[in-house]
Amino acid sequence: MKIRLSGADIDGPRVKHIERVTGEDLKHCYQCGKCSAGCPVSYLMEVPPSRVMRLLQLGRVDDVEAANTMWVCVGCVQCYARCPKGCSVASVLEGMRQIQLRKGTGPTLIKDIPIPFLRKAPQQALVCGFRKFVG
């Protein structure tokens, strides 16, 4: 499959916005694959961590947003611990989740969660769930 790229895609406003929100320089990643090898949930991801970085380097933000990867990532920062360049795919995915939630396109809205569940669920579970899944 041939992919046509332009400078506008690679250095586009969406990629720059992700870099600004996450504090990560996507160009530092050189695709060693250690992040994917160490990720405890990569087998559940439609796009593994190293491919996320490559797609974003190529300006293919839509491909990453369409995958389940940012919602599956548990934020354990194993990717950062193993990266020889100090790239944190977890930070990038967290930033992308925040961008999606601010747009209101996250997987769950708070009004959709039943009140009885909110009353019975453990407080820590609610905080973690709200951080990750609720807009």
Protein backbone atom coordinates (compact mmCIF):
# COMPACT_ATOMS: atom_id res chain seq x y z
CA MET A 1 0.00 0.00 0.00
CA LYS A 2 1.42 3.33 -1.04
CA ILE A 3 0.97 6.29 1.31
CA ARG A 4 1.32 9.81 0.00
CA LEU A 5 2.76 12.24 2.52
CA SER A 6 3.38 15.91 2.46
CA GLY A 7 5.22 18.30 4.74
CA ALA A 8 1.85 19.68 5.76
CA ASP A 9 0.87 16.23 7.11
CA ILE A 10 4.12 15.57 8.95
CA ASP A 11 4.37 19.01 10.55
CA GLY A 12 0.64 19.67 10.54
CA PRO A 13 -1.30 21.49 13.24
CA ARG A 14 -2.77 18.29 14.70
CA VAL A 15 0.66 16.74 15.23
CA LYS A 16 1.98 19.99 16.71
CA HIS A 17 -1.05 20.15 19.02
CA ILE A 18 -0.37 16.60 20.27
CA GLU A 19 3.28 17.49 20.89
CA ARG A 20 2.26 20.65 22.75
CA VAL A 21 -0.33 18.88 24.93
CA THR A 22 1.91 15.90 25.73
CA GLY A 23 5.30 17.59 25.94
CA GLU A 24 6.76 14.83 23.77
CA ASP A 25 8.81 15.32 20.61
CA LEU A 26 7.48 12.59 18.33
CA LYS A 27 10.51 12.78 16.05
CA HIS A 28 12.79 11.40 18.79
CA CYS A 29 11.36 7.89 18.39
CA TYR A 30 13.43 5.74 16.04
CA GLN A 31 11.20 2.65 16.06
CA CYS A 32 13.31 0.23 18.09
CA GLY A 33 10.12 -1.52 19.23
CA LYS A 34 11.07 -1.84 22.90
CA CYS A 35 7.88 -0.02 23.91
CA SER A 36 5.71 -2.57 22.14
CA ALA A 37 7.77 -5.47 23.46
CA GLY A 38 7.38 -4.29 27.06
CA CYS A 39 3.76 -3.18 26.94
CA PRO A 40 1.61 -5.49 29.08
CA VAL A 41 -1.52 -4.81 27.00
CA SER A 42 -0.12 -4.48 23.48
CA TYR A 43 -1.76 -7.78 22.52
CA LEU A 44 -5.15 -6.05 22.99
CA MET A 45 -4.23 -2.96 20.95
CA GLU A 46 -5.25 -2.56 17.33
CA VAL A 47 -2.13 -0.43 16.82
CA PRO A 48 0.92 -1.28 18.98
CA PRO A 49 2.81 1.53 20.76
CA SER A 50 5.75 1.72 18.34
CA ARG A 51 3.36 1.96 15.40
CA VAL A 52 1.43 4.73 17.18
CA MET A 53 4.60 6.79 17.26
CA ARG A 54 5.35 6.05 13.61
CA LEU A 55 1.84 6.93 12.46
CA LEU A 56 1.99 10.22 14.35
CA GLN A 57 5.42 10.97 12.88
CA LEU A 58 3.81 10.52 9.47
CA GLY A 59 0.90 12.79 10.37
CA ARG A 60 -1.62 9.94 10.37
CA VAL A 61 -3.48 11.12 13.49
CA ASP A 62 -6.82 9.77 12.24
CA ASP A 63 -5.42 6.22 12.09
CA VAL A 64 -4.39 6.40 15.75
CA GLU A 65 -7.69 7.98 16.83
CA ALA A 66 -9.69 5.29 15.00
CA ALA A 67 -7.89 2.48 16.86
CA ASN A 68 -8.69 1.31 20.37
CA THR A 69 -5.08 1.84 21.49
CA MET A 70 -5.49 5.08 23.42
CA TRP A 71 -8.37 3.63 25.42
CA VAL A 72 -6.61 0.30 26.11
CA CYS A 73 -3.33 1.84 27.33
CA VAL A 74 -3.12 1.47 31.12
CA GLY A 75 -0.55 4.25 31.56
CA CYS A 76 2.00 2.03 33.31
CA VAL A 77 4.87 3.94 31.56
CA GLN A 78 6.72 0.70 30.82
CA CYS A 79 7.23 2.17 27.34
CA TYR A 80 9.08 5.13 28.85
CA ALA A 81 11.16 2.90 31.13
CA ARG A 82 12.36 0.81 28.18
CA CYS A 83 12.86 3.59 25.63
CA PRO A 84 16.52 4.42 24.92
CA LYS A 85 15.46 7.90 23.74
CA GLY A 86 13.13 8.66 26.68
CA CYS A 87 9.92 8.74 24.64
CA SER A 88 6.70 8.08 26.52
CA VAL A 89 4.01 6.57 24.36
CA ALA A 90 1.82 6.51 27.49
CA SER A 91 2.07 10.32 27.72
CA VAL A 92 1.19 10.65 24.05
CA LEU A 93 -1.82 8.35 24.40
CA GLU A 94 -2.95 10.11 27.59
CA GLY A 95 -2.73 13.45 25.78
CA MET A 96 -4.70 12.10 22.86
CA ARG A 97 -7.36 10.78 25.26
CA GLN A 98 -7.60 14.23 26.83
CA ILE A 99 -7.94 15.86 23.40
CA GLN A 100 -10.75 13.43 22.49
CA LEU A 101 -12.55 13.90 25.80
CA ARG A 102 -12.38 17.69 25.50
CA LYS A 103 -13.97 17.39 22.06
CA GLY A 104 -16.70 15.23 23.59
CA THR A 105 -15.82 12.21 21.48
CA GLY A 106 -14.70 9.92 24.28
CA PRO A 107 -16.28 6.49 24.72
CA THR A 108 -18.50 7.43 27.69
CA LEU A 109 -20.22 10.56 28.94
CA ILE A 110 -20.85 11.06 32.64
CA LYS A 111 -24.60 11.44 32.09
CA ASP A 112 -24.63 7.89 30.65
CA ILE A 113 -23.39 6.27 33.89
CA PRO A 114 -26.23 5.00 36.10
CA ILE A 115 -26.54 6.75 39.48
CA PRO A 116 -26.84 3.46 41.46
CA PHE A 117 -23.47 2.37 40.04
CA LEU A 118 -21.89 5.69 40.99
CA ARG A 119 -23.15 5.29 44.58
CA LYS A 120 -21.85 1.72 45.01
CA ALA A 121 -18.55 1.78 43.10
CA PRO A 122 -15.29 2.15 45.05
CA GLN A 123 -14.04 5.73 45.12
CA GLN A 124 -10.66 4.84 43.60
CA ALA A 125 -12.33 3.03 40.70
CA LEU A 126 -14.47 6.07 40.00
CA VAL A 127 -11.50 8.44 40.00
CA CYS A 128 -9.46 6.20 37.70
CA GLY A 129 -12.42 5.62 35.40
CA PHE A 130 -13.31 9.29 35.20
CA ARG A 131 -9.72 10.17 34.43
CA LYS A 132 -9.63 7.76 31.54
CA PHE A 133 -13.12 7.28 30.15
CA VAL A 134 -15.41 10.19 30.97
CA GLY A 135 -15.71 13.50 29.23
